[in-house]
C-alpha atoms as a PDB file:
ATOM      1  CA  MET A   1     -15.251  -0.139  12.675  1.00  0.00           C
ATOM      2  CA  HIS A   2     -15.908   0.903   8.889  1.00  0.00           C
ATOM      3  CA  LEU A   3     -14.814   4.172   7.870  1.00  0.00           C
ATOM      4  CA  THR A   4     -15.625   6.356   4.828  1.00  0.00           C
ATOM      5  CA  MET A   5     -12.519   6.659   2.421  1.00  0.00           C
ATOM      6  CA  SER A   6     -11.213   9.633   1.050  1.00  0.00           C
ATOM      7  CA  GLY A   7      -8.114  11.275  -0.933  1.00  0.00           C
ATOM      8  CA  GLY A   8      -4.764  11.274   1.516  1.00  0.00           C
ATOM      9  CA  LEU A   9      -1.841   9.368   2.601  1.00  0.00           C
ATOM     10  CA  TYR A  10      -2.149   5.390   3.065  1.00  0.00           C
ATOM     11  CA  GLY A  11       0.775   3.585   4.356  1.00  0.00           C
ATOM     12  CA  ILE A  12       1.695  -0.142   3.595  1.00  0.00           C
ATOM     13  CA  THR A  13       3.121  -2.037   6.628  1.00  0.00           C
ATOM     14  CA  LEU A  14       5.777  -4.524   6.503  1.00  0.00           C
ATOM     15  CA  SER A  15       4.872  -8.120   7.849  1.00  0.00           C
ATOM     16  CA  THR A  16       7.335  -8.756  10.559  1.00  0.00           C
ATOM     17  CA  LEU A  17       8.269 -12.370  10.130  1.00  0.00           C
ATOM     18  CA  ASN A  18      10.687 -14.704  11.893  1.00  0.00           C
ATOM     19  CA  GLU A  19      13.419 -16.520  10.012  1.00  0.00           C
ATOM     20  CA  ASP A  20      10.992 -19.649   9.524  1.00  0.00           C
ATOM     21  CA  GLY A  21       8.194 -17.444   8.203  1.00  0.00           C
ATOM     22  CA  THR A  22       6.072 -17.164  11.279  1.00  0.00           C
ATOM     23  CA  VAL A  23       4.818 -14.230  12.601  1.00  0.00           C
ATOM     24  CA  ASP A  24       6.480 -11.970  15.111  1.00  0.00           C
ATOM     25  CA  GLU A  25       3.391 -10.863  16.602  1.00  0.00           C
ATOM     26  CA  GLY A  26       5.558  -8.617  19.349  1.00  0.00           C
ATOM     27  CA  ALA A  27       6.934  -6.708  16.438  1.00  0.00           C
ATOM     28  CA  PHE A  28       3.935  -6.532  14.735  1.00  0.00           C
ATOM     29  CA  ILE A  29       1.920  -5.052  17.793  1.00  0.00           C
ATOM     30  CA  GLN A  30       5.058  -2.392  17.959  1.00  0.00           C
ATOM     31  CA  GLU A  31       4.607  -1.743  14.025  1.00  0.00           C
ATOM     32  CA  MET A  32       0.917  -1.204  14.239  1.00  0.00           C
ATOM     33  CA  ALA A  33       0.990   1.103  17.585  1.00  0.00           C
ATOM     34  CA  LEU A  34       4.017   3.067  15.866  1.00  0.00           C
ATOM     35  CA  SER A  35       1.701   3.305  12.537  1.00  0.00           C
ATOM     36  CA  PHE A  36      -1.036   5.080  14.384  1.00  0.00           C
ATOM     37  CA  ASP A  37       1.301   7.651  15.737  1.00  0.00           C
ATOM     38  CA  THR A  38       1.750   8.859  12.220  1.00  0.00           C
ATOM     39  CA  ASP A  39      -0.137  11.365  10.168  1.00  0.00           C
ATOM     40  CA  VAL A  40      -1.218   8.715   7.602  1.00  0.00           C
ATOM     41  CA  ASP A  41      -5.106   8.595   6.738  1.00  0.00           C
ATOM     42  CA  GLY A  42      -5.025   4.732   6.923  1.00  0.00           C
ATOM     43  CA  ILE A  43      -2.905   1.768   7.431  1.00  0.00           C
ATOM     44  CA  VAL A  44      -2.567  -1.199   4.852  1.00  0.00           C
ATOM     45  CA  ILE A  45      -1.721  -4.678   5.921  1.00  0.00           C
ATOM     46  CA  CYS A  46      -1.007  -7.572   3.714  1.00  0.00           C
ATOM     47  CA  GLY A  47      -0.171  -5.546   0.516  1.00  0.00           C
ATOM     48  CA  SER A  48       2.642  -6.651  -1.853  1.00  0.00           C
ATOM     49  CA  THR A  49       5.388  -4.703   0.574  1.00  0.00           C
ATOM     50  CA  SER A  50       3.780  -6.798   3.165  1.00  0.00           C
ATOM     51  CA  GLU A  51       4.815  -9.893   1.363  1.00  0.00           C
ATOM     52  CA  PHE A  52       1.446 -11.339   1.464  1.00  0.00           C
ATOM     53  CA  ILE A  53       2.318 -13.780  -0.989  1.00  0.00           C
ATOM     54  CA  TYR A  54       4.598 -15.662   1.757  1.00  0.00           C
ATOM     55  CA  LEU A  55       1.608 -15.454   4.175  1.00  0.00           C
ATOM     56  CA  GLU A  56      -0.537 -18.388   4.964  1.00  0.00           C
ATOM     57  CA  GLU A  57      -4.174 -17.721   5.199  1.00  0.00           C
ATOM     58  CA  GLU A  58      -4.234 -18.222   8.684  1.00  0.00           C
ATOM     59  CA  GLN A  59      -1.220 -15.964   9.423  1.00  0.00           C
ATOM     60  CA  ALA A  60      -2.931 -13.174   7.163  1.00  0.00           C
ATOM     61  CA  PHE A  61      -5.850 -13.187   9.697  1.00  0.00           C
ATOM     62  CA  GLN A  62      -3.617 -13.227  12.403  1.00  0.00           C
ATOM     63  CA  MET A  63      -2.084 -10.022  11.525  1.00  0.00           C
ATOM     64  CA  ALA A  64      -5.891  -8.590  10.637  1.00  0.00           C
ATOM     65  CA  GLU A  65      -6.737  -9.426  14.052  1.00  0.00           C
ATOM     66  CA  ILE A  66      -3.520  -7.512  15.503  1.00  0.00           C
ATOM     67  CA  ALA A  67      -4.256  -4.535  13.427  1.00  0.00           C
ATOM     68  CA  SER A  68      -7.933  -4.571  14.232  1.00  0.00           C
ATOM     69  CA  ILE A  69      -7.068  -4.829  18.093  1.00  0.00           C
ATOM     70  CA  THR A  70      -4.825  -1.638  17.842  1.00  0.00           C
ATOM     71  CA  ALA A  71      -7.225   0.278  15.859  1.00  0.00           C
ATOM     72  CA  ALA A  72      -9.898  -0.286  18.451  1.00  0.00           C
ATOM     73  CA  ALA A  73      -7.262   0.757  21.272  1.00  0.00           C
ATOM     74  CA  ALA A  74      -6.115   4.061  19.791  1.00  0.00           C
ATOM     75  CA  PHE A  75      -9.828   5.072  19.179  1.00  0.00           C
ATOM     76  CA  GLU A  76     -10.574   4.427  23.028  1.00  0.00           C
ATOM     77  CA  THR A  77      -7.536   5.775  24.368  1.00  0.00           C
ATOM     78  CA  SER A  78      -6.988   8.639  22.208  1.00  0.00           C
ATOM     79  CA  GLY A  79      -9.615   9.253  19.596  1.00  0.00           C
ATOM     80  CA  ILE A  80      -7.405   8.093  16.649  1.00  0.00           C
ATOM     81  CA  LYS A  81      -9.281   6.986  13.764  1.00  0.00           C
ATOM     82  CA  LYS A  82      -7.542   5.517  10.693  1.00  0.00           C
ATOM     83  CA  ILE A  83      -9.114   3.651   7.629  1.00  0.00           C
ATOM     84  CA  LEU A  84      -7.878  -0.110   7.747  1.00  0.00           C
ATOM     85  CA  ILE A  85      -7.390  -1.348   4.346  1.00  0.00           C
ATOM     86  CA  GLY A  86      -6.872  -5.146   4.360  1.00  0.00           C
ATOM     87  CA  GLY A  87      -5.129  -7.178   1.155  1.00  0.00           C
ATOM     88  CA  ALA A  88      -7.128  -9.675   0.028  1.00  0.00           C
ATOM     89  CA  SER A  89      -5.512 -11.173  -3.397  1.00  0.00           C
ATOM     90  CA  ALA A  90      -5.431 -14.452  -4.097  1.00  0.00           C
ATOM     91  CA  PRO A  91      -5.503 -16.836  -7.258  1.00  0.00           C
ATOM     92  CA  THR A  92      -9.226 -17.995  -7.053  1.00  0.00           C
ATOM     93  CA  GLU A  93     -12.498 -16.306  -6.194  1.00  0.00           C
ATOM     94  CA  HIS A  94     -13.756 -18.177  -3.115  1.00  0.00           C
ATOM     95  CA  LYS A  95     -10.124 -17.499  -1.668  1.00  0.00           C
ATOM     96  CA  VAL A  96     -10.890 -13.761  -2.112  1.00  0.00           C
ATOM     97  CA  ILE A  97     -14.162 -13.689  -0.778  1.00  0.00           C
ATOM     98  CA  ARG A  98     -13.355 -15.929   2.551  1.00  0.00           C
ATOM     99  CA  MET A  99     -10.643 -13.081   3.469  1.00  0.00           C
ATOM    100  CA  VAL A 100     -13.026 -10.197   2.509  1.00  0.00           C
ATOM    101  CA  GLU A 101     -15.643 -11.664   5.087  1.00  0.00           C
ATOM    102  CA  LYS A 102     -12.849 -12.235   7.822  1.00  0.00           C
ATOM    103  CA  LEU A 103     -11.791  -8.677   7.187  1.00  0.00           C
ATOM    104  CA  SER A 104     -15.016  -7.258   7.383  1.00  0.00           C
ATOM    105  CA  ASP A 105     -15.777  -8.950  10.619  1.00  0.00           C
ATOM    106  CA  LEU A 106     -12.657  -7.439  11.897  1.00  0.00           C
ATOM    107  CA  GLY A 107     -14.051  -3.965  11.238  1.00  0.00           C
ATOM    108  CA  PHE A 108     -11.644  -3.351   7.868  1.00  0.00           C
ATOM    109  CA  SER A 109     -13.228  -0.653   5.569  1.00  0.00           C
ATOM    110  CA  GLN A 110     -11.485  -1.332   2.467  1.00  0.00           C
ATOM    111  CA  VAL A 111     -10.136  -4.549   0.628  1.00  0.00           C
ATOM    112  CA  LEU A 112      -7.408  -4.017  -2.188  1.00  0.00           C
ATOM    113  CA  ILE A 113      -7.456  -6.849  -4.562  1.00  0.00           C
ATOM    114  CA  CYS A 114      -5.306  -7.242  -7.492  1.00  0.00           C
ATOM    115  CA  PRO A 115      -6.546  -9.575 -10.265  1.00  0.00           C
ATOM    116  CA  PRO A 116      -5.839 -13.359  -9.998  1.00  0.00           C
ATOM    117  CA  TYR A 117      -2.035 -13.703 -10.524  1.00  0.00           C
ATOM    118  CA  TYR A 118       0.367 -16.412 -11.917  1.00  0.00           C
ATOM    119  CA  PHE A 119      -1.903 -17.633 -14.731  1.00  0.00           C
ATOM    120  CA  PRO A 120      -2.434 -15.473 -18.229  1.00  0.00           C
ATOM    121  CA  GLN A 121      -5.955 -13.926 -18.401  1.00  0.00           C
ATOM    122  CA  LYS A 122      -8.170 -11.940 -21.005  1.00  0.00           C
ATOM    123  CA  LYS A 123      -9.581  -8.782 -19.830  1.00  0.00           C
ATOM    124  CA  GLU A 124     -13.131 -10.081 -19.941  1.00  0.00           C
ATOM    125  CA  ASP A 125     -12.098 -12.725 -17.146  1.00  0.00           C
ATOM    126  CA  ILE A 126     -10.883  -9.751 -15.042  1.00  0.00           C
ATOM    127  CA  LEU A 127     -13.800  -7.956 -15.471  1.00  0.00           C
ATOM    128  CA  THR A 128     -15.969 -11.149 -14.511  1.00  0.00           C
ATOM    129  CA  PHE A 129     -13.658 -11.885 -11.559  1.00  0.00           C
ATOM    130  CA  TYR A 130     -14.167  -8.354 -10.163  1.00  0.00           C
ATOM    131  CA  GLN A 131     -17.972  -8.373 -10.842  1.00  0.00           C
ATOM    132  CA  GLU A 132     -18.269 -11.727  -8.796  1.00  0.00           C
ATOM    133  CA  ILE A 133     -16.345 -10.509  -5.909  1.00  0.00           C
ATOM    134  CA  ASP A 134     -18.437  -6.961  -5.978  1.00  0.00           C
ATOM    135  CA  LYS A 135     -21.412  -9.477  -5.258  1.00  0.00           C
ATOM    136  CA  HIS A 136     -19.505 -10.273  -1.985  1.00  0.00           C
ATOM    137  CA  ILE A 137     -18.476  -7.357  -0.379  1.00  0.00           C
ATOM    138  CA  PRO A 138     -20.347  -6.800   2.698  1.00  0.00           C
ATOM    139  CA  THR A 139     -22.597  -3.482   2.995  1.00  0.00           C
ATOM    140  CA  GLY A 140     -20.141  -0.652   4.857  1.00  0.00           C
ATOM    141  CA  MET A 141     -17.035  -2.133   3.051  1.00  0.00           C
ATOM    142  CA  GLY A 142     -15.266  -0.826  -0.044  1.00  0.00           C
ATOM    143  CA  MET A 143     -13.306  -2.505  -2.702  1.00  0.00           C
ATOM    144  CA  LEU A 144      -9.906  -1.204  -4.198  1.00  0.00           C
ATOM    145  CA  LEU A 145      -8.945  -2.123  -7.513  1.00  0.00           C
ATOM    146  CA  TYR A 146      -5.267  -3.063  -7.587  1.00  0.00           C
ATOM    147  CA  HIS A 147      -3.301  -2.247 -11.149  1.00  0.00           C
ATOM    148  CA  ILE A 148       0.045  -3.926 -10.438  1.00  0.00           C
ATOM    149  CA  PRO A 149       1.363  -5.217 -13.921  1.00  0.00           C
ATOM    150  CA  SER A 150       4.577  -6.472 -12.624  1.00  0.00           C
ATOM    151  CA  CYS A 151       3.175  -8.914 -10.494  1.00  0.00           C
ATOM    152  CA  ALA A 152      -0.529  -9.717 -11.626  1.00  0.00           C
ATOM    153  CA  PRO A 153      -2.435  -9.437 -14.964  1.00  0.00           C
ATOM    154  CA  GLY A 154      -2.886  -5.616 -15.736  1.00  0.00           C
ATOM    155  CA  ILE A 155      -6.547  -4.133 -15.810  1.00  0.00           C
ATOM    156  CA  ASP A 156      -6.933  -2.707 -19.247  1.00  0.00           C
ATOM    157  CA  LEU A 157      -8.546   0.820 -19.726  1.00  0.00           C
ATOM    158  CA  SER A 158     -10.894  -0.503 -21.558  1.00  0.00           C
ATOM    159  CA  ILE A 159     -12.535  -2.275 -18.985  1.00  0.00           C
ATOM    160  CA  LEU A 160     -11.901   0.299 -16.186  1.00  0.00           C
ATOM    161  CA  PRO A 161     -15.248   2.071 -16.747  1.00  0.00           C
ATOM    162  CA  GLN A 162     -17.349  -0.784 -16.024  1.00  0.00           C
ATOM    163  CA  LEU A 163     -15.126  -1.710 -12.924  1.00  0.00           C
ATOM    164  CA  MET A 164     -15.280   1.961 -11.613  1.00  0.00           C
ATOM    165  CA  GLU A 165     -18.970   1.787 -11.712  1.00  0.00           C
ATOM    166  CA  LEU A 166     -19.606  -1.565  -9.473  1.00  0.00           C
ATOM    167  CA  PRO A 167     -21.532  -0.364  -6.298  1.00  0.00           C
ATOM    168  CA  SER A 168     -18.647  -1.879  -4.054  1.00  0.00           C
ATOM    169  CA  VAL A 169     -15.563   0.023  -5.784  1.00  0.00           C
ATOM    170  CA  THR A 170     -14.041   2.825  -3.877  1.00  0.00           C
ATOM    171  CA  GLY A 171     -11.411   3.593  -6.753  1.00  0.00           C
ATOM    172  CA  MET A 172      -8.096   1.967  -7.473  1.00  0.00           C
ATOM    173  CA  LYS A 173      -4.348   1.894  -6.516  1.00  0.00           C
ATOM    174  CA  ASP A 174      -2.339   2.021  -9.794  1.00  0.00           C
ATOM    175  CA  SER A 175       1.551   0.797  -9.047  1.00  0.00           C
ATOM    176  CA  SER A 176       2.168   0.596 -12.718  1.00  0.00           C
ATOM    177  CA  GLY A 177       4.381   3.558 -12.852  1.00  0.00           C
ATOM    178  CA  ASP A 178       3.299   4.265 -16.179  1.00  0.00           C
ATOM    179  CA  MET A 179       1.894   7.972 -15.765  1.00  0.00           C
ATOM    180  CA  LEU A 180       0.050   7.785 -19.285  1.00  0.00           C
ATOM    181  CA  TYR A 181      -1.939   5.071 -17.961  1.00  0.00           C
ATOM    182  CA  HIS A 182      -2.561   7.156 -14.671  1.00  0.00           C
ATOM    183  CA  ALA A 183      -3.737  10.169 -16.292  1.00  0.00           C
ATOM    184  CA  ARG A 184      -6.092   8.199 -18.439  1.00  0.00           C
ATOM    185  CA  ALA A 185      -7.403   6.269 -15.547  1.00  0.00           C
ATOM    186  CA  ARG A 186      -7.771   9.611 -13.444  1.00  0.00           C
ATOM    187  CA  TYR A 187      -9.932  10.647 -16.187  1.00  0.00           C
ATOM    188  CA  ILE A 188     -12.298   7.672 -16.118  1.00  0.00           C
ATOM    189  CA  SER A 189     -12.276   7.607 -12.291  1.00  0.00           C
ATOM    190  CA  ASN A 190     -13.139  11.256 -12.091  1.00  0.00           C
ATOM    191  CA  LYS A 191     -16.098  10.913 -14.041  1.00  0.00           C
ATOM    192  CA  VAL A 192     -17.863   8.427 -11.672  1.00  0.00           C
ATOM    193  CA  GLY A 193     -16.359  10.150  -8.490  1.00  0.00           C
ATOM    194  CA  LYS A 194     -14.060   7.461  -7.612  1.00  0.00           C
ATOM    195  CA  LEU A 195     -10.635   7.609  -6.044  1.00  0.00           C
ATOM    196  CA  LEU A 196      -7.533   7.038  -7.829  1.00  0.00           C
ATOM    197  CA  PHE A 197      -4.145   6.454  -5.862  1.00  0.00           C
ATOM    198  CA  THR A 198      -0.505   6.147  -6.794  1.00  0.00           C
ATOM    199  CA  GLY A 199       1.517   3.083  -5.431  1.00  0.00           C
ATOM    200  CA  HIS A 200       4.986   4.591  -6.428  1.00  0.00           C
ATOM    201  CA  ASP A 201       6.481   7.274  -4.081  1.00  0.00           C
ATOM    202  CA  ILE A 202       8.211   8.825  -7.121  1.00  0.00           C
ATOM    203  CA  CYS A 203       4.878   9.242  -9.000  1.00  0.00           C
ATOM    204  CA  PHE A 204       3.196  11.405  -6.231  1.00  0.00           C
ATOM    205  CA  LEU A 205       3.856  14.475  -7.269  1.00  0.00           C
ATOM    206  CA  PRO A 206       2.859  13.806 -10.887  1.00  0.00           C
ATOM    207  CA  SER A 207      -0.225  11.952  -9.853  1.00  0.00           C
ATOM    208  CA  GLN A 208      -1.165  14.976  -7.962  1.00  0.00           C
ATOM    209  CA  ALA A 209      -0.631  16.974 -11.069  1.00  0.00           C
ATOM    210  CA  VAL A 210      -3.201  14.913 -13.228  1.00  0.00           C
ATOM    211  CA  GLY A 211      -5.592  15.327 -10.269  1.00  0.00           C
ATOM    212  CA  GLY A 212      -4.623  12.002  -8.451  1.00  0.00           C
ATOM    213  CA  ASP A 213      -6.204  11.537  -4.879  1.00  0.00           C
ATOM    214  CA  GLY A 214      -3.010  10.506  -2.851  1.00  0.00           C
ATOM    215  CA  CYS A 215      -0.276   8.172  -2.392  1.00  0.00           C
ATOM    216  CA  MET A 216      -0.601   4.382  -1.214  1.00  0.00           C
ATOM    217  CA  SER A 217       2.657   3.207  -0.217  1.00  0.00           C
ATOM    218  CA  ALA A 218       5.160   1.489   2.162  1.00  0.00           C
ATOM    219  CA  GLY A 219       6.994   4.927   1.835  1.00  0.00           C
ATOM    220  CA  ALA A 220       3.854   6.963   2.759  1.00  0.00           C
ATOM    221  CA  LEU A 221       4.421   5.264   6.181  1.00  0.00           C
ATOM    222  CA  LEU A 222       8.186   5.252   6.537  1.00  0.00           C
ATOM    223  CA  LEU A 223       8.648   8.604   5.245  1.00  0.00           C
ATOM    224  CA  ASN A 224       5.357  10.133   6.326  1.00  0.00           C
ATOM    225  CA  LYS A 225       6.593  13.594   7.392  1.00  0.00           C
ATOM    226  CA  LEU A 226       8.218  14.000   3.619  1.00  0.00           C
ATOM    227  CA  HIS A 227       4.920  12.681   1.934  1.00  0.00           C
ATOM    228  CA  ASN A 228       3.215  14.999   3.766  1.00  0.00           C
ATOM    229  CA  ARG A 229       5.021  17.993   3.301  1.00  0.00           C
ATOM    230  CA  LEU A 230       5.121  17.296  -0.454  1.00  0.00           C
ATOM    231  CA  MET A 231       1.237  17.013  -0.798  1.00  0.00           C
ATOM    232  CA  TYR A 232       0.758  20.141   1.195  1.00  0.00           C
ATOM    233  CA  ALA A 233       3.434  22.114  -0.727  1.00  0.00           C
ATOM    234  CA  TYR A 234       1.323  21.042  -3.947  1.00  0.00           C
ATOM    235  CA  LYS A 235      -1.846  21.928  -2.589  1.00  0.00           C
ATOM    236  CA  LYS A 236      -0.632  25.268  -1.477  1.00  0.00           C
ATOM    237  CA  GLY A 237       0.838  25.932  -5.207  1.00  0.00           C
ATOM    238  CA  ASP A 238       4.626  26.097  -3.759  1.00  0.00           C
ATOM    239  CA  MET A 239       6.101  24.108  -6.813  1.00  0.00           C
ATOM    240  CA  LEU A 240       9.760  25.135  -6.226  1.00  0.00           C
ATOM    241  CA  GLU A 241       9.284  23.353  -2.598  1.00  0.00           C
ATOM    242  CA  ALA A 242       7.254  20.282  -4.021  1.00  0.00           C
ATOM    243  CA  GLN A 243       9.941  19.670  -6.570  1.00  0.00           C
ATOM    244  CA  ARG A 244      12.959  19.677  -4.162  1.00  0.00           C
ATOM    245  CA  LEU A 245      11.033  17.305  -2.180  1.00  0.00           C
ATOM    246  CA  HIS A 246      10.471  15.241  -5.084  1.00  0.00           C
ATOM    247  CA  SER A 247      13.973  15.381  -6.228  1.00  0.00           C
ATOM    248  CA  PHE A 248      14.699  13.872  -2.496  1.00  0.00           C
ATOM    249  CA  LEU A 249      12.225  11.177  -3.399  1.00  0.00           C
ATOM    250  CA  LEU A 250      14.120  10.292  -6.577  1.00  0.00           C
ATOM    251  CA  ALA A 251      17.486  10.367  -5.181  1.00  0.00           C
ATOM    252  CA  LEU A 252      16.222   7.883  -2.167  1.00  0.00           C
ATOM    253  CA  ASP A 253      14.402   5.740  -5.177  1.00  0.00           C
ATOM    254  CA  ALA A 254      17.690   5.360  -7.143  1.00  0.00           C
ATOM    255  CA  LYS A 255      19.163   3.870  -3.771  1.00  0.00           C
ATOM    256  CA  LEU A 256      16.210   1.543  -3.357  1.00  0.00           C
ATOM    257  CA  ASN A 257      16.601   0.350  -6.642  1.00  0.00           C
ATOM    258  CA  GLN A 258      19.938  -1.330  -5.775  1.00  0.00           C
ATOM    259  CA  VAL A 259      17.799  -3.824  -3.492  1.00  0.00           C
ATOM    260  CA  PRO A 260      15.208  -6.132  -4.681  1.00  0.00           C
ATOM    261  CA  PHE A 261      11.871  -5.445  -4.230  1.00  0.00           C
ATOM    262  CA  PRO A 262      10.496  -5.775  -1.342  1.00  0.00           C
ATOM    263  CA  GLU A 263      13.709  -6.285   0.564  1.00  0.00           C
ATOM    264  CA  ASN A 264      14.711  -2.608  -0.084  1.00  0.00           C
ATOM    265  CA  TYR A 265      11.849  -1.288   2.050  1.00  0.00           C
ATOM    266  CA  ARG A 266      12.938  -3.832   4.857  1.00  0.00           C
ATOM    267  CA  LEU A 267      16.228  -2.107   4.694  1.00  0.00           C
ATOM    268  CA  LEU A 268      14.554   1.304   4.470  1.00  0.00           C
ATOM    269  CA  ALA A 269      12.526   0.769   7.575  1.00  0.00           C
ATOM    270  CA  GLN A 270      15.885  -0.504   9.309  1.00  0.00           C
ATOM    271  CA  ALA A 271      17.306   2.839   8.524  1.00  0.00           C
ATOM    272  CA  ARG A 272      14.163   4.770   9.840  1.00  0.00           C
ATOM    273  CA  LYS A 273      15.331   2.695  13.120  1.00  0.00           C
ATOM    274  CA  LEU A 274      12.172   0.471  13.059  1.00  0.00           C
ATOM    275  CA  TYR A 275      12.438  -3.076  13.244  1.00  0.00           C
ATOM    276  CA  PRO A 276      10.979  -4.963  10.102  1.00  0.00           C
ATOM    277  CA  GLY A 277      11.260  -8.665  10.763  1.00  0.00           C
ATOM    278  CA  LYS A 278      13.864 -11.096   8.825  1.00  0.00           C
ATOM    279  CA  ALA A 279      14.255 -11.636   5.194  1.00  0.00           C
ATOM    280  CA  GLN A 280      12.508 -14.450   3.394  1.00  0.00           C
ATOM    281  CA  ARG A 281      14.502 -14.881   0.362  1.00  0.00           C
ATOM    282  CA  ARG A 282      18.379 -14.785   0.160  1.00  0.00           C
ATOM    283  CA  PHE A 283      19.900 -12.170  -2.160  1.00  0.00           C
ATOM    284  CA  SER A 284      23.831 -11.520  -3.021  1.00  0.00           C
ATOM    285  CA  CYS A 285      23.017  -7.989  -2.329  1.00  0.00           C
ATOM    286  CA  LEU A 286      21.803  -8.814   1.202  1.00  0.00           C
ATOM    287  CA  ARG A 287      25.254  -9.936   2.193  1.00  0.00           C
ATOM    288  CA  GLU A 288      25.955  -8.297   5.736  1.00  0.00           C
ATOM    289  CA  ASP A 289      28.685  -5.987   4.389  1.00  0.00           C
ATOM    290  CA  LYS A 290      26.864  -5.097   1.513  1.00  0.00           C
ATOM    291  CA  LYS A 291      23.711  -4.189   3.537  1.00  0.00           C
ATOM    292  CA  VAL A 292      25.855  -2.124   6.241  1.00  0.00           C
ATOM    293  CA  LEU A 293      27.311   0.082   3.495  1.00  0.00           C
ATOM    294  CA  TRP A 294      23.815   0.694   1.853  1.00  0.00           C
ATOM    295  CA  LEU A 295      22.524   1.394   5.254  1.00  0.00           C
ATOM    296  CA  ASN A 296      25.068   3.928   5.973  1.00  0.00           C
ATOM    297  CA  GLU A 297      24.556   5.789   2.513  1.00  0.00           C
ATOM    298  CA  VAL A 298      20.510   5.896   2.776  1.00  0.00           C
ATOM    299  CA  GLU A 299      20.890   7.034   6.647  1.00  0.00           C
ATOM    300  CA  ALA A 300      23.278   9.875   5.326  1.00  0.00           C
ATOM    301  CA  LEU A 301      20.663  10.935   2.664  1.00  0.00           C
ATOM    302  CA  LEU A 302      17.759  10.511   5.210  1.00  0.00           C
ATOM    303  CA  ALA A 303      19.870  12.989   7.237  1.00  0.00           C
ATOM    304  CA  ARG A 304      19.661  15.548   4.771  1.00  0.00           C
ATOM    305  CA  PHE A 305      15.835  15.611   5.227  1.00  0.00           C
ATOM    306  CA  TYR A 306      15.302  14.690   8.780  1.00  0.00           C
ATOM    307  CA  LYS A 307      18.139  17.362  10.297  1.00  0.00           C
END
């Protein structure tokens, strides 16, 4: 079921993987069910926090099918409609196109695609990449550009006007954390009526201040109540409340930065009493004693908001 996308909150799911890298289907089904019980406007699977880079193509499709079935069940039983967004990033055009076609068949409304990663590229190469993908986006589906320069070549502002005018492009997710870039991207996207989302929780309030359309992050899902309150406080003009909630996000972000991404969000899920699957990497900071200490501190911080 393809739905029209608007501004708001879009939550990124974690990929519930077993220690051997296989998908824990039961855990992902439970995560999807809980996700549909939140106030997010849409759900993203196979994004960066979802550790899509660790997934085989078949595993990504496996999780997409679970998301599609959950969405159909939620609509049939409760009338709940949420935008389904599938990460479709890959190093080559033909792999991206294959993922796009599969996600469209499963009823996903949007695909989130970053520029091909690992090898360096010129901005002209990124432009032609998206132009080629645009030709293969099925009718009824939209494409979200994904600017995440810490993990893939960045989307230069000089080519953004051309990209925003591509027929299939709905808008862009900006995970750079660079508010100067973000403000200029907002000016460009607004001229053609396209959406702009921040991918950083602590940039949500500043993004709203420059006219951004919402937040697309794991935090928007795991801390949905907080993000909703922040969004509506700003919309109502209650800046004192918006700044108070933003300060809380800053304090939480300081704790998250003590653990490598995306394992920090796996631990945050645990602090929210959600099963996030097993870590796929071994980090010294994930020793059991350190994890327990970190979780205790984060749970104490969260208790201040969720009391």
